[in-house]
Amino acid sequence: MDPADQAQRLIEQMAEEIEERIRRQRLRQEHGTALTHCIECGDELPELRRQMGKGYCVACQTEREKNGGHQGV
């Protein structure tokens, strides 16, 4: 991969992260400080995932990781 491709990939990853943070912030504003439901599918998050500050259920997080999405969100 040449430097231009690497730079483009980095820009795309950063843009995705920014979009994700904006989406999470909007959800927090709508639902309060702690997310209670998965950002992706809307299913209720288990208590432990809420306490850990996770925004995705296990299934959606796993899918994101398989597709190259950011981990740990």
PDB file of N, CA and C in Angstrom:
ATOM      1  N   MET A   1       0.851  -1.168   0.000  1.00  0.00           N
ATOM      2  CA  MET A   1       0.000   0.000   0.000  1.00  0.00           C
ATOM      3  C   MET A   1       0.904   1.241   0.000  1.00  0.00           C
ATOM      4  N   ASP A   2       0.668   2.132  -0.909  1.00  0.00           N
ATOM      5  CA  ASP A   2       1.512   3.324  -0.987  1.00  0.00           C
ATOM      6  C   ASP A   2       1.080   4.364   0.054  1.00  0.00           C
ATOM      7  N   PRO A   3       1.898   5.378   0.293  1.00  0.00           N
ATOM      8  CA  PRO A   3       1.603   6.372   1.326  1.00  0.00           C
ATOM      9  C   PRO A   3       0.266   7.097   1.124  1.00  0.00           C
ATOM     10  N   ALA A   4      -0.087   7.351  -0.124  1.00  0.00           N
ATOM     11  CA  ALA A   4      -1.365   8.030  -0.375  1.00  0.00           C
ATOM     12  C   ALA A   4      -2.538   7.157   0.042  1.00  0.00           C
ATOM     13  N   ASP A   5      -2.450   5.861  -0.238  1.00  0.00           N
ATOM     14  CA  ASP A   5      -3.505   4.932   0.180  1.00  0.00           C
ATOM     15  C   ASP A   5      -3.575   4.838   1.701  1.00  0.00           C
ATOM     16  N   GLN A   6      -2.423   4.809   2.344  1.00  0.00           N
ATOM     17  CA  GLN A   6      -2.378   4.752   3.798  1.00  0.00           C
ATOM     18  C   GLN A   6      -3.007   6.001   4.405  1.00  0.00           C
ATOM     19  N   ALA A   7      -2.681   7.145   3.833  1.00  0.00           N
ATOM     20  CA  ALA A   7      -3.249   8.399   4.320  1.00  0.00           C
ATOM     21  C   ALA A   7      -4.757   8.423   4.129  1.00  0.00           C
ATOM     22  N   GLN A   8      -5.228   7.962   2.991  1.00  0.00           N
ATOM     23  CA  GLN A   8      -6.665   7.923   2.719  1.00  0.00           C
ATOM     24  C   GLN A   8      -7.377   7.006   3.706  1.00  0.00           C
ATOM     25  N   ARG A   9      -6.775   5.855   3.987  1.00  0.00           N
ATOM     26  CA  ARG A   9      -7.370   4.914   4.942  1.00  0.00           C
ATOM     27  C   ARG A   9      -7.453   5.546   6.334  1.00  0.00           C
ATOM     28  N   LEU A  10      -6.396   6.245   6.733  1.00  0.00           N
ATOM     29  CA  LEU A  10      -6.375   6.907   8.031  1.00  0.00           C
ATOM     30  C   LEU A  10      -7.452   7.987   8.105  1.00  0.00           C
ATOM     31  N   ILE A  11      -7.588   8.766   7.062  1.00  0.00           N
ATOM     32  CA  ILE A  11      -8.614   9.810   7.011  1.00  0.00           C
ATOM     33  C   ILE A  11     -10.004   9.199   7.129  1.00  0.00           C
ATOM     34  N   GLU A  12     -10.241   8.115   6.419  1.00  0.00           N
ATOM     35  CA  GLU A  12     -11.538   7.449   6.473  1.00  0.00           C
ATOM     36  C   GLU A  12     -11.821   6.903   7.875  1.00  0.00           C
ATOM     37  N   GLN A  13     -10.814   6.322   8.516  1.00  0.00           N
ATOM     38  CA  GLN A  13     -10.987   5.797   9.872  1.00  0.00           C
ATOM     39  C   GLN A  13     -11.291   6.922  10.853  1.00  0.00           C
ATOM     40  N   MET A  14     -10.598   8.038  10.707  1.00  0.00           N
ATOM     41  CA  MET A  14     -10.829   9.172  11.592  1.00  0.00           C
ATOM     42  C   MET A  14     -12.229   9.742  11.384  1.00  0.00           C
ATOM     43  N   ALA A  15     -12.663   9.830  10.127  1.00  0.00           N
ATOM     44  CA  ALA A  15     -14.000  10.331   9.832  1.00  0.00           C
ATOM     45  C   ALA A  15     -15.060   9.417  10.434  1.00  0.00           C
ATOM     46  N   GLU A  16     -14.851   8.105  10.341  1.00  0.00           N
ATOM     47  CA  GLU A  16     -15.798   7.155  10.932  1.00  0.00           C
ATOM     48  C   GLU A  16     -15.862   7.324  12.440  1.00  0.00           C
ATOM     49  N   GLU A  17     -14.717   7.514  13.058  1.00  0.00           N
ATOM     50  CA  GLU A  17     -14.682   7.685  14.508  1.00  0.00           C
ATOM     51  C   GLU A  17     -15.407   8.968  14.917  1.00  0.00           C
ATOM     52  N   ILE A  18     -15.191  10.032  14.185  1.00  0.00           N
ATOM     53  CA  ILE A  18     -15.869  11.295  14.486  1.00  0.00           C
ATOM     54  C   ILE A  18     -17.374  11.136  14.327  1.00  0.00           C
ATOM     55  N   GLU A  19     -17.815  10.510  13.239  1.00  0.00           N
ATOM     56  CA  GLU A  19     -19.237  10.277  13.027  1.00  0.00           C
ATOM     57  C   GLU A  19     -19.829   9.440  14.154  1.00  0.00           C
ATOM     58  N   GLU A  20     -19.077   8.429  14.587  1.00  0.00           N
ATOM     59  CA  GLU A  20     -19.522   7.560  15.675  1.00  0.00           C
ATOM     60  C   GLU A  20     -19.667   8.344  16.968  1.00  0.00           C
ATOM     61  N   ARG A  21     -18.718   9.189  17.265  1.00  0.00           N
ATOM     62  CA  ARG A  21     -18.790   9.992  18.484  1.00  0.00           C
ATOM     63  C   ARG A  21     -19.968  10.953  18.445  1.00  0.00           C
ATOM     64  N   ILE A  22     -20.215  11.539  17.296  1.00  0.00           N
ATOM     65  CA  ILE A  22     -21.371  12.434  17.151  1.00  0.00           C
ATOM     66  C   ILE A  22     -22.659  11.657  17.370  1.00  0.00           C
ATOM     67  N   ARG A  23     -22.749  10.472  16.773  1.00  0.00           N
ATOM     68  CA  ARG A  23     -23.955   9.660  16.913  1.00  0.00           C
ATOM     69  C   ARG A  23     -24.172   9.262  18.373  1.00  0.00           C
ATOM     70  N   ARG A  24     -23.094   8.868  19.045  1.00  0.00           N
ATOM     71  CA  ARG A  24     -23.214   8.494  20.457  1.00  0.00           C
ATOM     72  C   ARG A  24     -23.634   9.681  21.314  1.00  0.00           C
ATOM     73  N   GLN A  25     -23.083  10.847  21.021  1.00  0.00           N
ATOM     74  CA  GLN A  25     -23.451  12.043  21.782  1.00  0.00           C
ATOM     75  C   GLN A  25     -24.926  12.377  21.587  1.00  0.00           C
ATOM     76  N   ARG A  26     -25.396  12.270  20.373  1.00  0.00           N
ATOM     77  CA  ARG A  26     -26.822  12.526  20.116  1.00  0.00           C
ATOM     78  C   ARG A  26     -27.702  11.538  20.875  1.00  0.00           C
ATOM     79  N   LEU A  27     -27.301  10.271  20.887  1.00  0.00           N
ATOM     80  CA  LEU A  27     -28.056   9.279  21.638  1.00  0.00           C
ATOM     81  C   LEU A  27     -28.044   9.583  23.132  1.00  0.00           C
ATOM     82  N   ARG A  28     -26.915  10.018  23.640  1.00  0.00           N
ATOM     83  CA  ARG A  28     -26.835  10.375  25.065  1.00  0.00           C
ATOM     84  C   ARG A  28     -27.765  11.541  25.374  1.00  0.00           C
ATOM     85  N   GLN A  29     -27.820  12.511  24.478  1.00  0.00           N
ATOM     86  CA  GLN A  29     -28.700  13.654  24.686  1.00  0.00           C
ATOM     87  C   GLN A  29     -30.164  13.222  24.676  1.00  0.00           C
ATOM     88  N   GLU A  30     -30.488  12.264  23.825  1.00  0.00           N
ATOM     89  CA  GLU A  30     -31.865  11.778  23.738  1.00  0.00           C
ATOM     90  C   GLU A  30     -32.236  10.878  24.901  1.00  0.00           C
ATOM     91  N   HIS A  31     -31.279  10.059  25.379  1.00  0.00           N
ATOM     92  CA  HIS A  31     -31.590   9.020  26.362  1.00  0.00           C
ATOM     93  C   HIS A  31     -30.907   9.222  27.705  1.00  0.00           C
ATOM     94  N   GLY A  32     -30.265  10.335  27.931  1.00  0.00           N
ATOM     95  CA  GLY A  32     -29.549  10.538  29.185  1.00  0.00           C
ATOM     96  C   GLY A  32     -28.081  10.194  29.032  1.00  0.00           C
ATOM     97  N   THR A  33     -27.344  10.302  30.119  1.00  0.00           N
ATOM     98  CA  THR A  33     -25.898  10.142  30.060  1.00  0.00           C
ATOM     99  C   THR A  33     -25.470   8.744  29.665  1.00  0.00           C
ATOM    100  N   ALA A  34     -26.078   7.746  30.248  1.00  0.00           N
ATOM    101  CA  ALA A  34     -25.679   6.363  29.963  1.00  0.00           C
ATOM    102  C   ALA A  34     -26.547   5.795  28.850  1.00  0.00           C
ATOM    103  N   LEU A  35     -25.896   5.172  27.902  1.00  0.00           N
ATOM    104  CA  LEU A  35     -26.646   4.505  26.848  1.00  0.00           C
ATOM    105  C   LEU A  35     -27.291   3.256  27.425  1.00  0.00           C
ATOM    106  N   THR A  36     -28.536   3.051  27.131  1.00  0.00           N
ATOM    107  CA  THR A  36     -29.235   1.870  27.628  1.00  0.00           C
ATOM    108  C   THR A  36     -29.527   0.886  26.507  1.00  0.00           C
ATOM    109  N   HIS A  37     -29.389   1.344  25.254  1.00  0.00           N
ATOM    110  CA  HIS A  37     -29.695   0.496  24.103  1.00  0.00           C
ATOM    111  C   HIS A  37     -28.569   0.572  23.083  1.00  0.00           C
ATOM    112  N   CYS A  38     -28.399  -0.494  22.359  1.00  0.00           N
ATOM    113  CA  CYS A  38     -27.364  -0.596  21.341  1.00  0.00           C
ATOM    114  C   CYS A  38     -27.542   0.486  20.278  1.00  0.00           C
ATOM    115  N   ILE A  39     -26.451   1.131  19.935  1.00  0.00           N
ATOM    116  CA  ILE A  39     -26.475   2.176  18.910  1.00  0.00           C
ATOM    117  C   ILE A  39     -26.916   1.612  17.570  1.00  0.00           C
ATOM    118  N   GLU A  40     -26.506   0.394  17.275  1.00  0.00           N
ATOM    119  CA  GLU A  40     -26.764  -0.202  15.960  1.00  0.00           C
ATOM    120  C   GLU A  40     -28.159  -0.798  15.839  1.00  0.00           C
ATOM    121  N   CYS A  41     -28.493  -1.738  16.718  1.00  0.00           N
ATOM    122  CA  CYS A  41     -29.750  -2.484  16.552  1.00  0.00           C
ATOM    123  C   CYS A  41     -30.878  -2.017  17.464  1.00  0.00           C
ATOM    124  N   GLY A  42     -30.550  -1.272  18.507  1.00  0.00           N
ATOM    125  CA  GLY A  42     -31.572  -0.766  19.407  1.00  0.00           C
ATOM    126  C   GLY A  42     -31.957  -1.709  20.535  1.00  0.00           C
ATOM    127  N   ASP A  43     -31.350  -2.902  20.578  1.00  0.00           N
ATOM    128  CA  ASP A  43     -31.637  -3.826  21.673  1.00  0.00           C
ATOM    129  C   ASP A  43     -31.099  -3.258  22.981  1.00  0.00           C
ATOM    130  N   GLU A  44     -31.751  -3.622  24.074  1.00  0.00           N
ATOM    131  CA  GLU A  44     -31.302  -3.151  25.379  1.00  0.00           C
ATOM    132  C   GLU A  44     -29.927  -3.736  25.703  1.00  0.00           C
ATOM    133  N   LEU A  45     -29.041  -2.890  26.228  1.00  0.00           N
ATOM    134  CA  LEU A  45     -27.702  -3.333  26.599  1.00  0.00           C
ATOM    135  C   LEU A  45     -27.746  -3.980  27.977  1.00  0.00           C
ATOM    136  N   PRO A  46     -27.015  -5.074  28.155  1.00  0.00           N
ATOM    137  CA  PRO A  46     -26.903  -5.665  29.486  1.00  0.00           C
ATOM    138  C   PRO A  46     -26.243  -4.668  30.448  1.00  0.00           C
ATOM    139  N   GLU A  47     -26.557  -4.783  31.710  1.00  0.00           N
ATOM    140  CA  GLU A  47     -26.057  -3.850  32.720  1.00  0.00           C
ATOM    141  C   GLU A  47     -24.539  -3.724  32.690  1.00  0.00           C
ATOM    142  N   LEU A  48     -23.829  -4.829  32.567  1.00  0.00           N
ATOM    143  CA  LEU A  48     -22.365  -4.782  32.575  1.00  0.00           C
ATOM    144  C   LEU A  48     -21.825  -3.946  31.416  1.00  0.00           C
ATOM    145  N   ARG A  49     -22.409  -4.088  30.238  1.00  0.00           N
ATOM    146  CA  ARG A  49     -21.948  -3.300  29.084  1.00  0.00           C
ATOM    147  C   ARG A  49     -22.247  -1.823  29.299  1.00  0.00           C
ATOM    148  N   ARG A  50     -23.371  -1.520  29.935  1.00  0.00           N
ATOM    149  CA  ARG A  50     -23.685  -0.114  30.243  1.00  0.00           C
ATOM    150  C   ARG A  50     -22.658   0.458  31.210  1.00  0.00           C
ATOM    151  N   GLN A  51     -22.329  -0.309  32.241  1.00  0.00           N
ATOM    152  CA  GLN A  51     -21.361   0.149  33.237  1.00  0.00           C
ATOM    153  C   GLN A  51     -19.991   0.370  32.609  1.00  0.00           C
ATOM    154  N   MET A  52     -19.663  -0.428  31.606  1.00  0.00           N
ATOM    155  CA  MET A  52     -18.376  -0.319  30.930  1.00  0.00           C
ATOM    156  C   MET A  52     -18.377   0.808  29.889  1.00  0.00           C
ATOM    157  N   GLY A  53     -19.528   1.422  29.674  1.00  0.00           N
ATOM    158  CA  GLY A  53     -19.616   2.513  28.710  1.00  0.00           C
ATOM    159  C   GLY A  53     -19.663   2.055  27.272  1.00  0.00           C
ATOM    160  N   LYS A  54     -20.054   0.803  27.059  1.00  0.00           N
ATOM    161  CA  LYS A  54     -20.138   0.267  25.697  1.00  0.00           C
ATOM    162  C   LYS A  54     -21.419   0.746  25.040  1.00  0.00           C
ATOM    163  N   GLY A  55     -21.348   1.050  23.757  1.00  0.00           N
ATOM    164  CA  GLY A  55     -22.508   1.536  23.035  1.00  0.00           C
ATOM    165  C   GLY A  55     -23.159   0.495  22.148  1.00  0.00           C
ATOM    166  N   TYR A  56     -22.529  -0.684  22.057  1.00  0.00           N
ATOM    167  CA  TYR A  56     -23.035  -1.731  21.179  1.00  0.00           C
ATOM    168  C   TYR A  56     -23.267  -3.009  21.971  1.00  0.00           C
ATOM    169  N   CYS A  57     -24.267  -3.774  21.569  1.00  0.00           N
ATOM    170  CA  CYS A  57     -24.457  -5.096  22.151  1.00  0.00           C
ATOM    171  C   CYS A  57     -23.322  -5.995  21.644  1.00  0.00           C
ATOM    172  N   VAL A  58     -23.167  -7.153  22.238  1.00  0.00           N
ATOM    173  CA  VAL A  58     -22.078  -8.056  21.869  1.00  0.00           C
ATOM    174  C   VAL A  58     -22.149  -8.434  20.390  1.00  0.00           C
ATOM    175  N   ALA A  59     -23.340  -8.746  19.905  1.00  0.00           N
ATOM    176  CA  ALA A  59     -23.492  -9.172  18.507  1.00  0.00           C
ATOM    177  C   ALA A  59     -23.071  -8.063  17.541  1.00  0.00           C
ATOM    178  N   CYS A  60     -23.527  -6.833  17.783  1.00  0.00           N
ATOM    179  CA  CYS A  60     -23.185  -5.729  16.881  1.00  0.00           C
ATOM    180  C   CYS A  60     -21.704  -5.366  16.986  1.00  0.00           C
ATOM    181  N   GLN A  61     -21.140  -5.425  18.199  1.00  0.00           N
ATOM    182  CA  GLN A  61     -19.719  -5.144  18.365  1.00  0.00           C
ATOM    183  C   GLN A  61     -18.881  -6.178  17.623  1.00  0.00           C
ATOM    184  N   THR A  62     -19.272  -7.436  17.732  1.00  0.00           N
ATOM    185  CA  THR A  62     -18.560  -8.502  17.035  1.00  0.00           C
ATOM    186  C   THR A  62     -18.602  -8.279  15.527  1.00  0.00           C
ATOM    187  N   GLU A  63     -19.763  -7.925  15.016  1.00  0.00           N
ATOM    188  CA  GLU A  63     -19.919  -7.664  13.583  1.00  0.00           C
ATOM    189  C   GLU A  63     -19.069  -6.481  13.140  1.00  0.00           C
ATOM    190  N   ARG A  64     -19.043  -5.428  13.949  1.00  0.00           N
ATOM    191  CA  ARG A  64     -18.219  -4.255  13.625  1.00  0.00           C
ATOM    192  C   ARG A  64     -16.746  -4.637  13.556  1.00  0.00           C
ATOM    193  N   GLU A  65     -16.294  -5.448  14.498  1.00  0.00           N
ATOM    194  CA  GLU A  65     -14.896  -5.846  14.516  1.00  0.00           C
ATOM    195  C   GLU A  65     -14.549  -6.707  13.301  1.00  0.00           C
ATOM    196  N   LYS A  66     -15.481  -7.568  12.883  1.00  0.00           N
ATOM    197  CA  LYS A  66     -15.249  -8.386  11.688  1.00  0.00           C
ATOM    198  C   LYS A  66     -15.146  -7.526  10.446  1.00  0.00           C
ATOM    199  N   ASN A  67     -15.916  -6.436  10.419  1.00  0.00           N
ATOM    200  CA  ASN A  67     -15.955  -5.562   9.249  1.00  0.00           C
ATOM    201  C   ASN A  67     -14.951  -4.426   9.334  1.00  0.00           C
ATOM    202  N   GLY A  68     -14.054  -4.482  10.310  1.00  0.00           N
ATOM    203  CA  GLY A  68     -13.018  -3.479  10.411  1.00  0.00           C
ATOM    204  C   GLY A  68     -13.426  -2.234  11.165  1.00  0.00           C
ATOM    205  N   GLY A  69     -14.554  -2.260  11.864  1.00  0.00           N
ATOM    206  CA  GLY A  69     -14.983  -1.108  12.654  1.00  0.00           C
ATOM    207  C   GLY A  69     -14.118  -0.949  13.876  1.00  0.00           C
ATOM    208  N   HIS A  70     -14.265   0.137  14.562  1.00  0.00           N
ATOM    209  CA  HIS A  70     -13.474   0.408  15.766  1.00  0.00           C
ATOM    210  C   HIS A  70     -13.907  -0.521  16.878  1.00  0.00           C
ATOM    211  N   GLN A  71     -12.951  -0.960  17.625  1.00  0.00           N
ATOM    212  CA  GLN A  71     -13.220  -1.867  18.728  1.00  0.00           C
ATOM    213  C   GLN A  71     -13.479  -1.082  19.995  1.00  0.00           C
ATOM    214  N   GLY A  72     -14.207  -1.730  20.906  1.00  0.00           N
ATOM    215  CA  GLY A  72     -14.374  -1.184  22.230  1.00  0.00           C
ATOM    216  C   GLY A  72     -15.334  -0.037  22.368  1.00  0.00           C
ATOM    217  N   VAL A  73     -16.081   0.257  21.380  1.00  0.00           N
ATOM    218  CA  VAL A  73     -17.041   1.347  21.471  1.00  0.00           C
ATOM    219  C   VAL A  73     -18.307   0.850  22.091  1.00  0.00           C
TER     220      VAL A  73
END
